[in-house]
């Protein structure tokens, strides 16, 4: 393990989660290996650095390709998860596996959309004393209108609820061994690394990069997965929705009292108000508010249920790890 006095040549492990990436994984491996080779030649990182692919239960030939690559070059290591554990858990599996041998870990997606040349700036920030460096995209020009709008609204919502999530940061980041050891102490099942890591408090910085077009294959983040990730981020790091429910309940009760007073006054003065429309409207609003409130509370109860079971976040089926001379 490289010490703080020799921080300019850290052992780097690139953690690359993969799910059905057979169309691009060979090209990705070549691009990443070339970049590590250049960094090693410039004495920026140790020659013991490596690339760790995490196969998240792929159903295509991704693992077979990775296995072949690892036999051809010891720089490639592979973790095969027993099933599809999800993107966040696959990243965690890679980081926890690498933390005993790495000084720094950089997580990056397999689709080559995140600029690998930003690694130089990541490591420079680390050498300046940062334990965590976040990769933040310069813009969202490659996204459609709706994705831009929903992403902007989501980050604003998260920030308004007190979350420390970094706007326009996905999971392209550098994290040191010290920060990884701290992260290993967290045992929560509802994992949202984008919100969790900023709460640890280590010195951090941001590196901006341009997003490239995906060269092959298709994105594995479906709308359902994005919505689940967004909901997980909100309910894992904020109790504001519960407070909003309480506030809404108070407002509805006060509105009901006002309607009661108006009804009593009309009755005293002998006004015959049918009130069918008003009654129906109030019933629908209150009923909808109750159902919505129960749904939000149910989300939190579901989180508690999952945490109480304390099931493992991932199960490793096999590991391919060669010694690098």
Protein backbone atom coordinates (compact mmCIF):
# COMPACT_ATOMS: atom_id res chain seq x y z
CA UNK A 1 0.00 0.00 0.00
CA UNK A 2 1.36 3.41 -0.96
CA UNK A 3 1.70 5.78 1.98
CA UNK A 4 0.74 9.42 2.21
CA UNK A 5 4.40 10.40 1.73
CA UNK A 6 4.36 8.82 -1.73
CA UNK A 7 0.90 9.93 -2.72
CA UNK A 8 1.96 10.90 -6.23
CA UNK A 9 2.13 7.24 -7.34
CA UNK A 10 -1.00 5.61 -5.93
CA UNK A 11 -2.29 2.17 -6.84
CA UNK A 12 -5.42 2.84 -8.90
CA UNK A 13 -8.26 0.36 -9.43
CA UNK A 14 -10.85 1.27 -12.05
CA UNK A 15 -14.18 -0.29 -11.07
CA UNK A 16 -16.44 -0.85 -14.07
CA UNK A 17 -19.96 -2.24 -13.48
CA UNK A 18 -21.29 -4.21 -16.45
CA UNK A 19 -24.71 -5.52 -17.38
CA UNK A 20 -25.27 -6.99 -20.85
CA UNK A 21 -22.40 -5.03 -22.41
CA UNK A 22 -21.13 -7.62 -24.91
CA UNK A 23 -21.36 -5.13 -27.79
CA UNK A 24 -18.91 -2.65 -26.29
CA UNK A 25 -16.95 -4.34 -23.51
CA UNK A 26 -13.94 -5.30 -25.65
CA UNK A 27 -13.54 -1.74 -26.92
CA UNK A 28 -14.04 -0.39 -23.40
CA UNK A 29 -11.32 -2.67 -22.03
CA UNK A 30 -8.91 -1.50 -24.72
CA UNK A 31 -9.60 2.19 -24.09
CA UNK A 32 -9.25 1.83 -20.32
CA UNK A 33 -6.08 -0.28 -20.55
CA UNK A 34 -4.52 2.27 -22.90
CA UNK A 35 -5.29 5.07 -20.48
CA UNK A 36 -3.83 3.19 -17.51
CA UNK A 37 -0.72 2.44 -19.56
CA UNK A 38 -0.19 6.10 -20.33
CA UNK A 39 -0.67 7.07 -16.68
CA UNK A 40 1.83 4.42 -15.61
CA UNK A 41 4.38 5.58 -18.18
CA UNK A 42 4.05 9.11 -16.84
CA UNK A 43 4.54 7.81 -13.26
CA UNK A 44 1.14 9.19 -12.28
CA UNK A 45 -0.03 5.81 -10.94
CA UNK A 46 1.68 2.62 -9.77
CA UNK A 47 2.36 -0.25 -12.18
CA UNK A 48 0.24 -2.38 -9.83
CA UNK A 49 -2.90 -0.53 -10.93
CA UNK A 50 -5.65 -2.56 -12.57
CA UNK A 51 -9.15 -2.56 -14.07
CA UNK A 52 -11.86 -4.42 -12.15
CA UNK A 53 -14.99 -5.34 -14.09
CA UNK A 54 -18.10 -6.24 -12.08
CA UNK A 55 -20.50 -8.43 -14.05
CA UNK A 56 -23.90 -7.69 -12.53
CA UNK A 57 -25.62 -10.91 -13.57
CA UNK A 58 -25.40 -10.29 -17.33
CA UNK A 59 -27.54 -12.56 -19.51
CA UNK A 60 -25.39 -12.24 -22.62
CA UNK A 61 -21.73 -13.10 -23.24
CA UNK A 62 -20.30 -10.25 -21.16
CA UNK A 63 -18.72 -12.52 -18.54
CA UNK A 64 -17.23 -14.90 -21.10
CA UNK A 65 -15.61 -11.96 -22.90
CA UNK A 66 -14.28 -10.58 -19.60
CA UNK A 67 -12.94 -14.00 -18.62
CA UNK A 68 -11.05 -14.22 -21.91
CA UNK A 69 -9.65 -10.70 -21.49
CA UNK A 70 -8.42 -11.50 -17.98
CA UNK A 71 -6.55 -14.55 -19.31
CA UNK A 72 -4.86 -12.44 -21.96
CA UNK A 73 -3.85 -9.58 -19.67
CA UNK A 74 -3.49 -9.68 -15.84
CA UNK A 75 -4.42 -6.00 -15.67
CA UNK A 76 -8.05 -7.12 -16.06
CA UNK A 77 -9.78 -8.53 -12.98
CA UNK A 78 -13.38 -9.71 -12.89
CA UNK A 79 -16.07 -10.12 -10.25
CA UNK A 80 -19.12 -12.12 -11.24
CA UNK A 81 -22.17 -11.50 -9.06
CA UNK A 82 -24.55 -14.39 -8.52
CA UNK A 83 -27.50 -12.39 -9.84
CA UNK A 84 -28.52 -8.94 -10.95
CA UNK A 85 -28.03 -6.89 -7.78
CA UNK A 86 -28.42 -3.47 -9.36
CA UNK A 87 -26.00 -0.76 -10.51
CA UNK A 88 -25.37 0.75 -7.06
CA UNK A 89 -24.70 -2.63 -5.43
CA UNK A 90 -22.40 -3.67 -8.28
CA UNK A 91 -20.34 -0.52 -7.77
CA UNK A 92 -20.17 -1.19 -4.02
CA UNK A 93 -19.06 -4.80 -4.62
CA UNK A 94 -16.20 -3.57 -6.80
CA UNK A 95 -15.11 -0.88 -4.36
CA UNK A 96 -15.19 -3.17 -1.35
CA UNK A 97 -13.19 -5.82 -3.22
CA UNK A 98 -10.59 -3.28 -4.33
CA UNK A 99 -10.14 -1.37 -1.08
CA UNK A 100 -7.60 -3.77 0.44
CA UNK A 101 -5.16 -3.38 -2.47
CA UNK A 102 -5.91 0.09 -3.86
CA UNK A 103 -4.94 3.57 -2.72
CA UNK A 104 -7.63 5.06 -4.91
CA UNK A 105 -10.66 3.65 -6.71
CA UNK A 106 -12.39 5.30 -9.64
CA UNK A 107 -15.85 4.07 -10.64
CA UNK A 108 -16.83 4.53 -14.27
CA UNK A 109 -19.56 3.14 -16.52
CA UNK A 110 -18.77 0.64 -19.26
CA UNK A 111 -20.38 2.62 -22.10
CA UNK A 112 -17.43 5.06 -22.59
CA UNK A 113 -19.71 8.09 -22.30
CA UNK A 114 -17.78 9.44 -19.32
CA UNK A 115 -14.52 11.04 -20.45
CA UNK A 116 -11.67 8.77 -19.33
CA UNK A 117 -9.17 11.61 -19.89
CA UNK A 118 -10.60 13.31 -16.80
CA UNK A 119 -8.62 10.74 -14.77
CA UNK A 120 -5.59 13.05 -14.87
CA UNK A 121 -7.57 15.78 -13.09
CA UNK A 122 -9.04 13.25 -10.64
CA UNK A 123 -5.59 12.09 -9.56
CA UNK A 124 -4.25 15.65 -9.44
CA UNK A 125 -7.04 16.56 -6.99
CA UNK A 126 -6.18 13.47 -4.94
CA UNK A 127 -2.52 14.49 -4.81
CA UNK A 128 -3.67 17.88 -3.52
CA UNK A 129 -5.24 16.15 -0.52
CA UNK A 130 -8.78 15.30 -1.62
CA UNK A 131 -10.17 11.95 -0.47
CA UNK A 132 -13.17 12.12 -2.83
CA UNK A 133 -13.37 13.67 -6.29
CA UNK A 134 -16.71 13.92 -8.09
CA UNK A 135 -17.01 13.82 -11.86
CA UNK A 136 -19.67 16.31 -12.93
CA UNK A 137 -20.85 16.66 -16.52
CA UNK A 138 -20.44 20.10 -18.09
CA UNK A 139 -23.90 20.05 -19.62
CA UNK A 140 -26.82 17.80 -20.52
CA UNK A 141 -26.84 18.56 -24.25
CA UNK A 142 -26.83 14.84 -25.07
CA UNK A 143 -30.11 14.35 -23.17
CA UNK A 144 -33.58 14.90 -24.51
CA UNK A 145 -35.78 17.77 -23.34
CA UNK A 146 -37.79 15.72 -20.85
CA UNK A 147 -34.70 14.13 -19.30
CA UNK A 148 -33.08 17.56 -18.90
CA UNK A 149 -36.22 18.94 -17.28
CA UNK A 150 -36.80 16.02 -14.92
CA UNK A 151 -33.11 15.87 -13.93
CA UNK A 152 -33.08 19.59 -13.12
CA UNK A 153 -36.28 19.30 -11.08
CA UNK A 154 -34.99 16.22 -9.26
CA UNK A 155 -31.72 17.82 -8.16
CA UNK A 156 -33.53 20.95 -7.02
CA UNK A 157 -36.00 18.80 -5.08
CA UNK A 158 -33.20 16.81 -3.43
CA UNK A 159 -31.33 19.95 -2.44
CA UNK A 160 -34.49 21.55 -1.04
CA UNK A 161 -34.96 18.49 1.17
CA UNK A 162 -31.50 18.85 2.66
CA UNK A 163 -29.68 16.19 0.62
CA UNK A 164 -26.02 16.86 -0.25
CA UNK A 165 -26.32 15.21 -3.66
CA UNK A 166 -24.06 16.80 -6.31
CA UNK A 167 -26.06 18.12 -9.30
CA UNK A 168 -25.23 16.40 -12.62
CA UNK A 169 -22.99 13.85 -10.88
CA UNK A 170 -23.70 10.21 -11.62
CA UNK A 171 -21.25 7.58 -10.35
CA UNK A 172 -18.04 8.75 -12.00
CA UNK A 173 -15.87 9.51 -8.97
CA UNK A 174 -12.55 8.93 -7.27
CA UNK A 175 -12.56 7.72 -3.69
CA UNK A 176 -9.49 7.03 -1.55
CA UNK A 177 -8.77 3.99 0.59
CA UNK A 178 -9.43 6.07 3.72
CA UNK A 179 -12.89 7.05 2.46
CA UNK A 180 -13.58 3.47 1.32
CA UNK A 181 -12.81 2.16 4.80
CA UNK A 182 -15.29 4.67 6.20
CA UNK A 183 -17.88 3.69 3.59
CA UNK A 184 -17.51 0.03 4.57
CA UNK A 185 -18.95 0.89 8.00
CA UNK A 186 -22.31 1.78 6.45
CA UNK A 187 -24.65 -1.19 6.46
CA UNK A 188 -27.85 0.21 4.99
CA UNK A 189 -29.68 -1.91 2.45
CA UNK A 190 -31.32 0.99 0.59
CA UNK A 191 -28.12 2.08 -1.13
CA UNK A 192 -27.86 5.46 -2.86
CA UNK A 193 -24.16 6.22 -3.21
CA UNK A 194 -24.69 9.62 -4.83
CA UNK A 195 -26.34 10.86 -1.66
CA UNK A 196 -24.41 8.74 0.85
CA UNK A 197 -20.80 9.53 -0.07
CA UNK A 198 -21.13 13.35 0.24
CA UNK A 199 -22.35 12.92 3.83
CA UNK A 200 -19.06 11.36 5.00
CA UNK A 201 -17.41 14.75 5.32
CA UNK A 202 -13.99 14.06 3.75
CA UNK A 203 -12.21 16.76 1.78
CA UNK A 204 -13.58 16.66 -1.75
CA UNK A 205 -13.56 18.51 -5.05
CA UNK A 206 -15.19 18.43 -8.47
CA UNK A 207 -13.82 17.67 -11.93
CA UNK A 208 -15.95 18.68 -14.91
CA UNK A 209 -16.06 16.57 -18.07
CA UNK A 210 -17.93 16.30 -21.34
CA UNK A 211 -20.32 13.41 -21.96
CA UNK A 212 -19.78 11.47 -25.17
CA UNK A 213 -22.29 9.61 -27.31
CA UNK A 214 -22.69 5.94 -26.51
CA UNK A 215 -20.66 4.02 -29.12
CA UNK A 216 -22.54 0.71 -28.98
CA UNK A 217 -25.39 -1.02 -27.19
CA UNK A 218 -28.15 0.76 -25.32
CA UNK A 219 -28.56 2.28 -21.91
CA UNK A 220 -29.54 -0.22 -19.21
CA UNK A 221 -31.13 2.51 -17.10
CA UNK A 222 -34.80 2.17 -18.01
CA UNK A 223 -37.41 4.70 -16.93
CA UNK A 224 -38.50 2.34 -14.15
CA UNK A 225 -34.95 2.01 -12.84
CA UNK A 226 -34.45 5.79 -12.93
CA UNK A 227 -37.70 6.37 -11.04
CA UNK A 228 -36.75 3.75 -8.44
CA UNK A 229 -33.33 5.37 -8.01
CA UNK A 230 -34.92 8.80 -7.64
CA UNK A 231 -37.43 7.55 -5.07
CA UNK A 232 -34.69 5.71 -3.20
CA UNK A 233 -32.62 8.88 -3.07
CA UNK A 234 -35.48 10.94 -1.65
CA UNK A 235 -36.67 8.45 0.98
CA UNK A 236 -33.16 7.39 2.04
CA UNK A 237 -31.92 10.86 2.90
CA UNK A 238 -34.89 12.98 3.86
CA UNK A 239 -37.94 12.81 6.11
CA UNK A 240 -39.33 15.98 4.52
CA UNK A 241 -42.16 14.10 2.71
CA UNK A 242 -43.45 12.91 6.10
CA UNK A 243 -43.36 16.47 7.42
CA UNK A 244 -45.21 17.67 4.32
CA UNK A 245 -47.92 15.07 4.96
CA UNK A 246 -48.35 16.38 8.51
CA UNK A 247 -48.57 19.94 7.21
CA UNK A 248 -51.08 18.95 4.55
CA UNK A 249 -53.16 17.14 7.17
CA UNK A 250 -53.30 20.27 9.32
CA UNK A 251 -54.36 22.38 6.33
CA UNK A 252 -57.14 19.92 5.42
CA UNK A 253 -58.41 19.88 9.02
CA UNK A 254 -58.42 23.67 9.17
CA UNK A 255 -60.24 23.81 5.83
CA UNK A 256 -62.82 21.36 7.20
CA UNK A 257 -63.37 23.55 10.28
CA UNK A 258 -63.87 26.60 8.06
CA UNK A 259 -66.45 24.70 5.98
CA UNK A 260 -68.19 23.60 9.19
CA UNK A 261 -68.44 27.18 10.44
CA UNK A 262 -69.80 28.37 7.08
CA UNK A 263 -72.37 25.57 7.08
CA UNK A 264 -73.54 26.43 10.62
CA UNK A 265 -73.85 30.15 9.76
CA UNK A 266 -75.89 29.32 6.63
CA UNK A 267 -78.15 27.03 8.69
CA UNK A 268 -78.72 29.78 11.27
CA UNK A 269 -79.78 32.25 8.59
CA UNK A 270 -82.00 29.69 6.94
CA UNK A 271 -80.13 29.40 3.71
CA UNK A 272 -80.89 26.23 1.85
CA UNK A 273 -77.61 25.30 0.18
CA UNK A 274 -77.72 21.92 -1.61
CA UNK A 275 -73.92 21.52 -1.35
CA UNK A 276 -73.74 18.32 -3.37
CA UNK A 277 -70.90 19.57 -5.61
CA UNK A 278 -68.99 21.03 -2.69
CA UNK A 279 -69.35 17.86 -0.64
CA UNK A 280 -68.26 15.65 -3.54
CA UNK A 281 -65.24 17.85 -4.28
CA UNK A 282 -64.13 17.87 -0.65
CA UNK A 283 -64.53 14.10 -0.39
CA UNK A 284 -62.45 13.54 -3.51
CA UNK A 285 -59.69 15.92 -2.39
CA UNK A 286 -59.52 14.51 1.13
CA UNK A 287 -59.69 10.92 -0.15
CA UNK A 288 -56.92 11.56 -2.64
CA UNK A 289 -54.79 13.25 0.03
CA UNK A 290 -55.27 10.27 2.35
CA UNK A 291 -54.29 7.75 -0.32
CA UNK A 292 -51.24 9.82 -1.31
CA UNK A 293 -50.21 10.14 2.33
CA UNK A 294 -50.58 6.41 2.89
CA UNK A 295 -48.46 5.79 -0.20
CA UNK A 296 -45.61 7.99 1.03
CA UNK A 297 -45.76 6.47 4.51
CA UNK A 298 -45.79 3.04 2.88
CA UNK A 299 -42.55 3.86 1.07
CA UNK A 300 -40.84 4.58 4.38
CA UNK A 301 -42.31 1.46 5.99
CA UNK A 302 -41.00 -0.57 3.05
CA UNK A 303 -37.52 0.90 3.65
CA UNK A 304 -37.69 -0.08 7.31
CA UNK A 305 -38.86 -3.56 6.31
CA UNK A 306 -35.91 -4.03 3.95
CA UNK A 307 -33.43 -2.74 6.53
CA UNK A 308 -34.88 -5.01 9.23
CA UNK A 309 -34.29 -8.11 7.09
CA UNK A 310 -30.65 -7.06 6.63
CA UNK A 311 -30.10 -9.18 3.56
CA UNK A 312 -26.71 -8.96 1.78
CA UNK A 313 -26.50 -6.26 -0.87
CA UNK A 314 -24.81 -8.63 -3.28
CA UNK A 315 -23.47 -12.19 -3.49
CA UNK A 316 -20.20 -12.81 -5.32
CA UNK A 317 -20.23 -15.93 -7.49
CA UNK A 318 -16.58 -15.85 -8.54
CA UNK A 319 -13.53 -13.58 -8.68
CA UNK A 320 -10.72 -13.53 -11.25
CA UNK A 321 -7.74 -11.69 -9.79
CA UNK A 322 -4.23 -12.11 -11.15
CA UNK A 323 -1.06 -10.84 -9.48
CA UNK A 324 0.61 -8.01 -11.37
CA UNK A 325 4.42 -8.15 -11.31
